[in-house]
Protein backbone atom coordinates (compact mmCIF):
# COMPACT_ATOMS: atom_id res chain seq x y z
CA MET A 1 -4.43 108.78 147.96
CA THR A 2 -5.31 112.03 146.20
CA GLU A 3 -2.72 114.20 144.54
CA PRO A 4 -2.11 117.67 145.99
CA GLY A 5 -4.02 120.45 144.28
CA SER A 6 -2.48 123.35 142.42
CA ALA A 7 -2.80 125.61 145.49
CA GLN A 8 0.49 124.20 146.77
CA ARG A 9 2.25 125.16 143.54
CA MET A 10 0.77 128.64 143.22
CA GLN A 11 3.05 131.59 143.71
CA ARG A 12 2.43 133.59 146.88
CA SER A 13 2.38 136.94 145.08
CA PRO A 14 -0.45 138.99 143.55
CA ALA A 15 1.89 139.66 140.63
CA ALA A 16 1.37 136.00 139.65
CA PHE A 17 -2.43 136.21 139.47
CA HIS A 18 -2.71 135.29 135.80
CA ASP A 19 -0.43 132.25 136.10
CA ASN A 20 -2.12 131.15 139.32
CA ALA A 21 -5.58 131.53 137.81
CA GLU A 22 -4.64 129.37 134.85
CA GLN A 23 -3.44 126.64 137.20
CA ALA A 24 -6.67 126.90 139.19
CA LEU A 25 -8.85 126.54 136.12
CA ASN A 26 -7.02 123.34 135.22
CA ASP A 27 -7.16 121.77 138.68
CA PRO A 28 -10.18 119.39 138.74
CA GLN A 29 -10.12 118.88 142.53
CA LEU A 30 -10.06 122.62 143.15
CA GLN A 31 -12.89 123.15 140.68
CA GLN A 32 -14.90 120.45 142.47
CA ALA A 33 -14.40 122.23 145.80
CA LEU A 34 -15.18 125.70 144.41
CA ARG A 35 -18.51 124.59 142.97
CA GLN A 36 -19.85 124.29 146.53
CA ILE A 37 -19.39 128.00 147.33
CA ALA A 38 -22.22 129.60 145.37
CA ALA A 39 -24.69 126.85 146.27
CA GLY A 40 -23.62 126.80 149.94
CA PHE A 41 -22.71 130.25 151.23
CA GLY A 42 -24.54 132.10 148.45
CA GLY A 43 -27.79 130.18 148.83
CA ASN A 44 -27.71 130.36 152.62
CA ARG A 45 -27.25 134.13 152.52
CA ARG A 46 -30.22 134.62 150.20
CA ARG A 47 -32.50 132.58 152.45
CA ALA A 48 -31.31 134.31 155.62
CA ALA A 49 -31.80 137.78 154.15
CA ALA A 50 -35.24 136.91 152.80
CA ALA A 51 -36.33 135.62 156.22
CA LEU A 52 -35.56 138.96 157.90
CA PRO A 53 -37.85 141.74 156.60
CA GLU A 54 -35.65 144.50 158.03
CA PHE A 55 -32.39 143.09 156.59
CA ASP A 56 -31.85 145.92 154.11
CA ALA A 57 -32.62 148.53 156.77
CA LEU A 58 -30.08 146.86 159.08
CA CYS A 59 -27.48 146.98 156.32
CA ASP A 60 -28.11 150.70 155.83
CA ALA A 61 -27.83 151.26 159.58
CA SER A 62 -24.63 149.21 159.78
CA ALA A 63 -23.00 151.19 156.98
CA ALA A 64 -24.01 154.43 158.71
CA ILE A 65 -22.46 153.23 161.99
CA LYS A 66 -19.17 152.49 160.27
CA ASP A 67 -19.18 155.79 158.39
CA HIS A 68 -19.76 157.69 161.63
CA THR A 69 -16.98 155.72 163.31
CA LEU A 70 -14.51 156.38 160.49
CA ASP A 71 -15.36 160.10 160.64
CA HIS A 72 -14.32 160.09 164.31
CA LEU A 73 -11.90 157.17 164.34
CA ASP A 74 -9.27 158.85 166.51
CA LEU A 75 -11.80 159.64 169.24
CA TYR A 76 -13.24 156.12 169.38
CA LEU A 77 -9.80 154.48 169.35
CA GLU A 78 -8.70 156.66 172.24
CA GLU A 79 -11.87 155.82 174.17
CA PHE A 80 -11.33 152.12 173.47
CA GLU A 81 -7.78 152.37 174.84
CA ARG A 82 -9.00 154.14 177.99
CA GLN A 83 -11.55 151.42 178.66
CA VAL A 84 -9.06 148.60 178.06
CA LEU A 85 -6.60 150.18 180.48
CA ALA A 86 -9.36 150.73 183.04
CA ALA A 87 -10.19 147.02 182.86
CA GLY A 88 -6.54 146.09 183.53
CA GLY A 89 -5.47 145.38 179.96
CA HIS A 90 -2.73 146.77 177.73
CA VAL A 91 -2.90 148.42 174.29
CA HIS A 92 -0.07 148.38 171.75
CA TRP A 93 -0.20 150.80 168.81
CA CYS A 94 1.57 149.37 165.76
CA ALA A 95 2.20 151.35 162.61
CA ASP A 96 3.08 148.38 160.42
CA ALA A 97 3.37 144.60 160.26
CA ALA A 98 6.93 144.55 161.64
CA ALA A 99 5.89 146.51 164.73
CA ALA A 100 2.92 144.20 165.32
CA ARG A 101 5.08 141.07 165.03
CA ARG A 102 7.61 142.54 167.43
CA ALA A 103 4.89 143.43 169.96
CA VAL A 104 3.61 139.83 169.93
CA LEU A 105 7.14 138.47 170.33
CA ASP A 106 7.91 140.79 173.26
CA ILE A 107 4.74 139.68 175.07
CA CYS A 108 5.57 136.02 174.46
CA ARG A 109 9.12 136.44 175.70
CA GLU A 110 7.91 138.10 178.90
CA VAL A 111 6.29 134.80 179.87
CA ASN A 112 8.91 132.58 178.20
CA ALA A 113 6.26 131.20 175.86
CA LYS A 114 7.05 128.07 173.85
CA THR A 115 3.59 127.29 172.46
CA VAL A 116 0.89 129.65 171.23
CA THR A 117 -2.66 128.69 170.30
CA LYS A 118 -4.38 130.84 167.70
CA GLY A 119 -7.94 131.53 166.69
CA LYS A 120 -8.67 132.49 163.10
CA SER A 121 -7.26 135.94 162.35
CA MET A 122 -6.77 137.50 158.93
CA VAL A 123 -4.66 140.23 160.51
CA ALA A 124 -2.27 137.56 161.80
CA GLU A 125 -2.06 136.31 158.20
CA GLU A 126 -1.55 139.88 156.99
CA ILE A 127 1.51 140.35 159.19
CA GLY A 128 2.94 136.84 158.59
CA LEU A 129 2.82 135.99 162.28
CA ASN A 130 3.16 132.19 162.19
CA ARG A 131 6.45 132.10 160.30
CA PHE A 132 7.81 134.89 162.47
CA LEU A 133 7.01 133.02 165.68
CA GLU A 134 8.47 129.78 164.32
CA ALA A 135 11.66 131.65 163.41
CA HIS A 136 11.92 132.64 167.08
CA ASP A 137 11.35 129.10 168.42
CA ILE A 138 7.70 129.61 169.36
CA ALA A 139 5.27 127.02 168.02
CA PRO A 140 1.92 128.47 166.78
CA VAL A 141 -1.01 126.04 166.75
CA GLU A 142 -4.06 126.96 164.67
CA THR A 143 -7.25 125.86 166.44
CA ASP A 144 -9.94 126.82 163.93
CA LEU A 145 -10.57 123.58 162.01
CA GLY A 146 -10.09 125.20 158.60
CA GLU A 147 -6.93 126.98 159.73
CA TYR A 148 -5.67 123.76 161.32
CA ILE A 149 -6.14 121.93 158.00
CA ILE A 150 -4.23 124.49 155.97
CA GLN A 151 -1.50 124.67 158.61
CA LEU A 152 -0.96 120.94 158.11
CA ALA A 153 -0.96 121.51 154.34
CA GLU A 154 1.45 124.47 154.72
CA GLU A 155 -0.89 126.70 152.74
CA PRO A 156 -2.42 130.13 153.35
CA PRO A 157 -6.20 130.57 153.70
CA SER A 158 -8.16 130.57 150.46
CA HIS A 159 -11.27 132.25 151.91
CA ILE A 160 -11.92 134.70 154.74
CA ILE A 161 -14.50 132.59 156.57
CA GLY A 162 -13.69 129.16 155.12
CA PRO A 163 -9.88 128.96 155.06
CA ALA A 164 -9.85 125.37 153.74
CA ILE A 165 -12.84 125.62 151.44
CA HIS A 166 -10.59 124.68 148.52
CA LYS A 167 -9.95 121.24 150.05
CA THR A 168 -12.04 118.19 149.29
CA LYS A 169 -12.86 115.69 152.05
CA ASP A 170 -10.45 113.17 150.49
CA GLN A 171 -7.62 115.68 150.66
CA VAL A 172 -8.36 116.43 154.33
CA SER A 173 -8.45 112.69 155.02
CA ASP A 174 -5.02 112.31 153.44
CA LEU A 175 -3.60 115.20 155.48
CA PHE A 176 -4.86 113.81 158.77
CA HIS A 177 -3.64 110.31 157.91
CA THR A 178 -0.16 111.68 157.19
CA HIS A 179 0.21 114.09 160.12
CA HIS A 180 -1.70 112.32 162.88
CA ARG A 181 0.37 109.13 162.76
CA ALA A 182 2.78 110.80 165.16
CA TYR A 183 -0.07 110.74 167.71
CA GLY A 184 -0.83 107.07 167.15
CA LYS A 185 -3.69 107.67 164.71
CA THR A 186 -2.93 105.15 162.01
CA GLU A 187 -6.40 104.65 160.51
CA ARG A 188 -7.31 106.71 157.45
CA LEU A 189 -10.72 108.22 158.24
CA GLU A 190 -13.23 109.11 155.55
CA ASP A 191 -16.30 110.14 157.55
CA GLY A 192 -16.55 113.90 158.10
CA GLY A 193 -17.70 113.57 161.70
CA ALA A 194 -14.85 111.20 162.53
CA LEU A 195 -12.31 113.61 161.01
CA VAL A 196 -13.64 116.47 163.14
CA ALA A 197 -13.60 114.31 166.27
CA GLU A 198 -9.99 113.31 165.69
CA ALA A 199 -8.90 116.91 165.23
CA ARG A 200 -10.81 117.93 168.37
CA GLU A 201 -9.15 115.18 170.38
CA LEU A 202 -5.65 116.16 169.32
CA LEU A 203 -6.19 119.88 169.77
CA ARG A 204 -7.68 119.60 173.26
CA GLN A 205 -4.32 119.21 175.00
CA LYS A 206 -2.83 122.03 172.92
CA TYR A 207 -5.27 124.48 174.53
CA ILE A 208 -4.24 123.34 177.99
CA ASP A 209 -0.51 123.43 177.30
CA ALA A 210 -0.41 126.82 175.53
CA ASP A 211 1.47 129.67 177.16
CA VAL A 212 -0.30 132.36 175.11
CA GLY A 213 -3.58 132.49 173.21
CA ILE A 214 -3.95 134.79 170.19
CA THR A 215 -7.24 135.76 168.59
CA GLY A 216 -8.42 138.31 166.10
CA ALA A 217 -11.45 140.52 166.65
CA ASN A 218 -14.57 141.04 164.61
CA PHE A 219 -15.29 144.23 166.56
CA LEU A 220 -13.67 146.43 169.22
CA VAL A 221 -16.21 148.20 171.44
CA ALA A 222 -15.12 151.71 172.43
CA GLU A 223 -17.81 152.02 175.11
CA THR A 224 -16.52 149.09 177.19
CA GLY A 225 -13.05 148.24 175.89
CA SER A 226 -14.39 144.82 174.88
CA THR A 227 -13.17 142.73 171.96
CA VAL A 228 -15.65 140.53 170.10
CA ILE A 229 -15.04 137.28 168.24
CA VAL A 230 -17.60 135.35 166.22
CA THR A 231 -17.03 131.61 165.73
CA ASN A 232 -18.90 128.38 165.10
CA GLU A 233 -16.52 126.00 166.83
CA GLY A 234 -15.81 127.45 170.26
CA ASN A 235 -12.08 127.28 169.63
CA GLY A 236 -11.83 131.02 170.12
CA ASP A 237 -13.22 130.77 173.65
CA LEU A 238 -10.73 128.08 174.61
CA THR A 239 -7.87 129.99 172.98
CA GLN A 240 -8.53 133.15 174.92
CA SER A 241 -9.61 131.72 178.28
CA LEU A 242 -7.25 128.81 179.04
CA PRO A 243 -3.72 130.24 178.48
CA PRO A 244 -2.40 132.73 181.05
CA VAL A 245 -1.99 135.45 178.40
CA HIS A 246 -4.52 136.56 175.78
CA ILE A 247 -3.40 138.70 172.81
CA VAL A 248 -5.94 140.28 170.48
CA ILE A 249 -4.72 141.46 167.06
CA ALA A 250 -7.00 143.80 165.13
CA GLY A 251 -6.95 146.53 162.51
CA ILE A 252 -7.80 150.01 163.74
CA GLU A 253 -10.95 150.06 161.58
CA LYS A 254 -12.58 147.33 163.72
CA VAL A 255 -13.62 149.74 166.47
CA VAL A 256 -17.33 150.61 166.88
CA PRO A 257 -18.82 153.10 169.36
CA THR A 258 -21.23 151.11 171.55
CA LEU A 259 -22.58 147.69 172.45
CA GLU A 260 -25.84 148.62 170.72
CA ASP A 261 -23.94 149.38 167.51
CA THR A 262 -22.19 146.03 167.83
CA ALA A 263 -25.53 144.25 168.10
CA THR A 264 -26.70 145.87 164.87
CA LEU A 265 -23.58 144.79 163.02
CA LEU A 266 -23.81 141.27 164.40
CA ARG A 267 -27.29 140.89 162.93
CA VAL A 268 -25.96 141.36 159.40
CA LEU A 269 -22.59 139.65 159.83
CA ALA A 270 -23.58 136.00 160.22
CA ARG A 271 -26.46 136.27 157.75
CA SER A 272 -24.10 137.68 155.11
CA ALA A 273 -21.28 135.25 155.88
CA THR A 274 -22.76 131.80 156.47
CA GLY A 275 -26.49 132.43 156.27
CA GLN A 276 -27.00 131.93 160.02
CA GLU A 277 -29.10 134.22 162.18
CA MET A 278 -26.17 134.31 164.59
CA SER A 279 -22.97 132.33 164.78
CA VAL A 280 -22.86 129.58 167.39
CA TYR A 281 -20.46 131.56 169.61
CA THR A 282 -20.34 135.35 169.95
CA THR A 283 -17.85 136.14 172.69
CA PHE A 284 -17.12 139.50 174.36
CA SER A 285 -13.83 139.79 176.26
CA THR A 286 -13.10 142.69 178.57
CA GLY A 287 -9.71 142.78 180.24
CA PRO A 288 -7.92 139.99 182.13
CA LYS A 289 -9.35 137.64 184.72
CA ARG A 290 -10.84 139.33 187.79
CA LYS A 291 -10.66 137.95 191.33
CA SER A 292 -14.22 136.71 191.17
CA ASP A 293 -13.76 134.99 187.78
CA LEU A 294 -13.41 131.22 187.70
CA ASP A 295 -11.24 131.26 184.58
CA GLY A 296 -9.65 133.61 182.07
CA PRO A 297 -6.21 134.99 181.25
CA GLU A 298 -3.98 136.68 183.80
CA ALA A 299 -2.90 139.26 181.19
CA PHE A 300 -4.85 140.87 178.34
CA HIS A 301 -3.17 142.69 175.43
CA VAL A 302 -4.71 144.37 172.38
CA ILE A 303 -2.51 145.09 169.36
CA LEU A 304 -3.97 147.80 167.13
CA LEU A 305 -2.56 147.66 163.61
CA ASP A 306 -2.50 150.49 161.10
CA ASN A 307 -0.41 149.09 158.22
CA GLY A 308 -1.76 151.51 155.62
CA ARG A 309 -5.28 151.88 156.98
CA SER A 310 -4.82 155.54 157.93
CA GLU A 311 -3.73 156.21 154.39
CA LEU A 312 -6.90 154.55 153.10
CA LEU A 313 -8.96 156.55 155.59
CA HIS A 314 -7.82 159.79 153.99
CA SER A 315 -8.24 158.59 150.42
CA THR A 316 -11.15 158.26 148.01
CA LYS A 317 -11.09 154.50 148.74
CA ARG A 318 -11.97 154.84 152.44
CA ASP A 319 -15.32 153.05 151.97
CA ILE A 320 -13.44 149.73 151.98
CA LEU A 321 -12.71 150.31 155.69
CA ARG A 322 -16.39 149.60 156.38
CA CYS A 323 -15.70 145.95 155.49
CA ILE A 324 -16.63 143.48 158.25
CA ARG A 325 -14.94 140.49 156.53
CA CYS A 326 -18.16 138.54 155.93
CA GLY A 327 -16.95 137.13 152.61
CA ALA A 328 -20.25 137.72 150.79
CA CYS A 329 -18.52 139.52 147.93
CA MET A 330 -16.27 136.57 147.11
CA ASN A 331 -19.07 134.04 147.57
CA HIS A 332 -20.94 135.73 144.72
CA CYS A 333 -17.99 136.75 142.53
CA PRO A 334 -17.73 134.78 139.25
CA VAL A 335 -13.97 135.33 139.18
CA TYR A 336 -13.33 134.15 142.75
CA THR A 337 -15.62 131.13 142.40
CA ALA A 338 -13.79 130.16 139.21
CA VAL A 339 -10.19 130.44 140.43
CA GLY A 340 -10.30 130.40 144.26
CA GLY A 341 -8.50 132.48 146.82
CA HIS A 342 -4.94 131.24 146.34
CA SER A 343 -4.89 132.62 142.80
CA TYR A 344 -4.85 136.14 144.24
CA GLY A 345 -1.51 135.43 145.92
CA THR A 346 -2.22 137.69 148.87
CA THR A 347 -3.90 137.74 152.28
CA TYR A 348 -7.18 139.25 151.12
CA MET A 349 -8.89 137.77 148.08
CA GLY A 350 -11.96 138.31 145.95
CA PRO A 351 -13.45 141.77 145.30
CA MET A 352 -12.60 143.15 148.75
CA GLY A 353 -9.06 141.85 148.33
CA ALA A 354 -8.81 143.55 144.95
CA VAL A 355 -9.34 146.84 146.82
CA PHE A 356 -7.30 146.10 149.97
CA SER A 357 -4.30 144.38 148.39
CA PRO A 358 -2.97 147.24 146.25
CA GLN A 359 -2.83 149.27 149.46
CA PHE A 360 -1.14 146.58 151.55
CA ASP A 361 1.08 144.97 148.88
CA GLY A 362 1.63 147.98 146.64
CA LEU A 363 0.04 148.73 143.28
CA ASP A 364 3.21 147.70 141.45
CA THR A 365 2.78 144.15 142.79
CA ALA A 366 -1.02 143.90 142.98
CA LYS A 367 -1.96 145.81 139.83
CA SER A 368 -3.63 142.74 138.27
CA LEU A 369 -6.18 142.28 141.06
CA PRO A 370 -8.45 145.30 140.38
CA PHE A 371 -8.70 143.97 136.82
CA ALA A 372 -9.79 140.53 138.07
CA SER A 373 -13.45 141.44 137.91
CA SER A 374 -16.24 141.22 135.37
CA PHE A 375 -17.87 144.30 136.98
CA CYS A 376 -21.14 142.40 137.07
CA GLY A 377 -21.90 144.24 140.32
CA ARG A 378 -22.93 141.20 142.35
CA CYS A 379 -20.30 141.97 145.00
CA GLU A 380 -21.76 145.41 145.64
CA ALA A 381 -25.31 144.07 145.57
CA VAL A 382 -24.66 141.56 148.38
CA CYS A 383 -22.28 143.65 150.50
CA PRO A 384 -24.04 144.34 153.82
CA MET A 385 -21.89 147.43 154.34
CA ARG A 386 -22.91 149.01 151.01
CA ILE A 387 -19.30 149.21 149.82
CA PRO A 388 -19.15 150.27 146.13
CA LEU A 389 -16.57 147.62 145.26
CA PRO A 390 -16.67 147.98 141.45
CA ALA A 391 -16.17 151.74 141.74
CA LEU A 392 -13.20 151.26 144.09
CA MET A 393 -11.64 148.67 141.78
CA ARG A 394 -12.16 151.12 138.91
CA GLU A 395 -10.25 153.75 140.89
CA TRP A 396 -7.31 151.37 141.29
CA ARG A 397 -7.49 150.68 137.55
CA GLU A 398 -7.34 154.39 136.87
CA ASP A 399 -4.38 154.72 139.25
CA ALA A 400 -2.59 151.87 137.44
CA PHE A 401 -3.29 153.50 134.08
CA GLY A 402 -2.30 156.99 135.23
CA THR A 403 0.99 155.84 136.76
CA GLN A 404 1.80 153.61 133.78
CA LYS A 405 1.81 150.43 135.83
CA ILE A 406 0.10 148.48 133.06
CA SER A 407 1.68 147.45 129.78
CA SER A 408 1.94 149.83 126.83
CA ARG A 409 -0.25 147.42 124.84
CA GLU A 410 -3.03 147.64 127.43
CA ARG A 411 -2.74 151.43 127.61
CA TRP A 412 -2.91 151.66 123.82
CA ALA A 413 -6.01 149.42 123.73
CA MET A 414 -7.73 151.54 126.40
CA ARG A 415 -6.96 154.77 124.56
CA VAL A 416 -8.41 153.37 121.32
CA TRP A 417 -11.54 152.14 123.11
CA ALA A 418 -11.95 155.47 124.92
CA TRP A 419 -11.57 157.40 121.66
CA VAL A 420 -14.31 155.33 120.02
CA ALA A 421 -16.57 155.34 123.12
CA ARG A 422 -16.55 159.16 123.22
CA ARG A 423 -18.06 159.19 119.72
CA PRO A 424 -21.51 157.57 120.06
CA ARG A 425 -22.28 157.46 116.35
CA LEU A 426 -18.97 155.79 115.53
CA TYR A 427 -19.39 153.43 118.50
CA ARG A 428 -22.82 152.32 117.30
CA MET A 429 -21.62 151.86 113.74
CA ALA A 430 -18.65 149.76 114.89
CA ALA A 431 -20.84 147.66 117.20
CA ASP A 432 -23.43 147.05 114.45
CA LEU A 433 -20.74 146.08 111.95
CA GLY A 434 -18.97 143.78 114.41
CA VAL A 435 -22.17 142.01 115.39
CA ARG A 436 -23.17 141.44 111.79
CA ILE A 437 -19.77 140.02 110.87
CA LEU A 438 -19.72 137.67 113.88
CA ALA A 439 -23.33 136.61 113.30
CA ARG A 440 -22.63 135.77 109.65
CA ALA A 441 -19.36 133.96 110.43
CA GLY A 442 -20.97 131.94 113.23
CA ARG A 443 -24.23 131.18 111.48
CA ASP A 444 -23.44 127.50 110.88
CA ARG A 445 -21.43 126.58 113.98
CA GLY A 446 -23.25 128.73 116.55
CA ALA A 447 -20.08 129.51 118.53
CA PHE A 448 -16.39 130.37 118.09
CA SER A 449 -13.60 128.32 119.59
CA TYR A 450 -11.14 131.10 118.73
CA LEU A 451 -11.44 134.85 118.21
CA PRO A 452 -8.67 137.36 117.41
CA LEU A 453 -8.05 139.48 120.53
CA GLY A 454 -10.43 137.19 122.41
CA GLY A 455 -8.06 134.46 123.55
CA GLY A 456 -8.68 135.22 127.20
CA TRP A 457 -12.27 134.08 126.70
CA THR A 458 -11.87 131.27 124.18
CA ARG A 459 -9.05 129.51 126.02
CA ALA A 460 -11.60 128.37 128.59
CA ARG A 461 -14.93 128.41 126.72
CA ASP A 462 -16.54 128.96 123.34
CA PHE A 463 -17.80 132.42 122.43
CA PRO A 464 -21.48 132.23 121.39
CA ALA A 465 -22.25 133.69 117.96
CA PRO A 466 -24.40 136.81 118.44
CA GLU A 467 -27.76 137.54 116.94
CA ALA A 468 -27.73 139.45 113.66
CA THR A 469 -28.33 142.79 115.33
CA SER A 470 -26.75 144.75 118.16
CA PHE A 471 -28.48 145.48 121.46
CA MET A 472 -28.73 149.18 120.59
CA ALA A 473 -30.35 148.40 117.23
CA ALA A 474 -32.82 146.04 118.92
CA TRP A 475 -33.61 148.68 121.53
CA ARG A 476 -34.21 151.35 118.91
CA ALA A 477 -36.52 148.96 117.06
CA THR A 478 -38.45 148.34 120.28
CA GLU A 479 -38.86 152.08 120.85
CA ARG A 480 -40.39 152.44 117.40
CA VAL A 481 -43.07 149.80 118.10
CA PRO A 482 -46.41 151.58 118.76
CA GLU A 483 -47.56 151.56 122.37
CA LYS A 484 -50.78 149.69 121.50
CA GLU A 485 -48.75 146.90 119.93
CA HIS A 486 -46.82 146.53 123.19
CA SER A 487 -50.02 146.24 125.21
CA ASP A 488 -51.52 143.69 122.83
CA GLY A 489 -48.39 141.62 123.44
């Protein structure tokens, strides 16, 4: 049997990011699982983008669609509501998480619901829906395989599109062996296909028995009042079509104007997320079951959640509302791929989470997250919605500095650095001197296992001794080389 990873011991608060990250770095099983992200999702995305010549043009078009929608968000939300009502559905406007939870509970109580099946929904995680339902004697059953695994483990998702990506196969095998005994499954399975088959078998009856099905939405189509979910397992279709009531929970920023716009966004979503041309299932739902339909829910409800999004819309950080939750930014982030999603201690993780979380959780609590970035720019480079993530994180850093939400030591260090950086000659002199000292001190060993003021680096890795000259000095020397000498190479 494998021991549980550090994710179970991590604090569920963004204020604990530093402590959580240290645990993650020292968890060998978690590190083993995280190594698969860049090679898997990252590699698949590169190949999918390269295979589509118009990929960059589609990304530009998608970002323009979202910008246009955000400019006229009130109009498109109102049109979406009109179309949902015309199709026989209901729309619930919820200002915050408490209102959204209450709306779900009221709908469930109307039908005396005891069991609810759920498709993967980050908004449901954002509002803490599962615990709320359990507290009111309603059993939520996660049907996405990754979500089902972490529900058994009593953990939150660690990734937007791969909730259980932090789990190794051995850990999943242990979970199933422990929890499935109640269903007569006493054999510990180790084959991946067998584990999936066992989960499918046990979940099948849950779909049939559920009183209510709850899904998220990748998009809300104003033109038709349709909600769109994108899955690879088909669990979303069963969740929304078999129970008598279907509830969709979505943020207000998920609306798009037309079906054609939705098609454009779908072409970049799967390629950016999993490297597929399209996900296996792309399902459009419009209202409840009609008389001519063979199946479908008798009642259809859409819960539209604000929860701080309107505030973002009218701020300098509104670009983050273009996010389509593809996860590309975290798949390529050196910080996320080193410490995993649970380290962030909040619903949204990685670079996009570092922008969303201070808004949803408060800057006092989430002030560490915008600083959890190397600013290498990879997140912005791979974002299909052209979101300037480093710039938005920098804005949150400036807000934290300006409102004195960071320590006096950090503020002092920033002021000293800024004072030197505004004086180019002094900056170059200090950089040249520092490089020379480090180069001389590290001449024999080649690297430093400890550096004053550099403990954050050297606790996890050695610091390579630099060359005997700074980058600026080397650049100036290159500029002085005659042009003919460059061409002679």
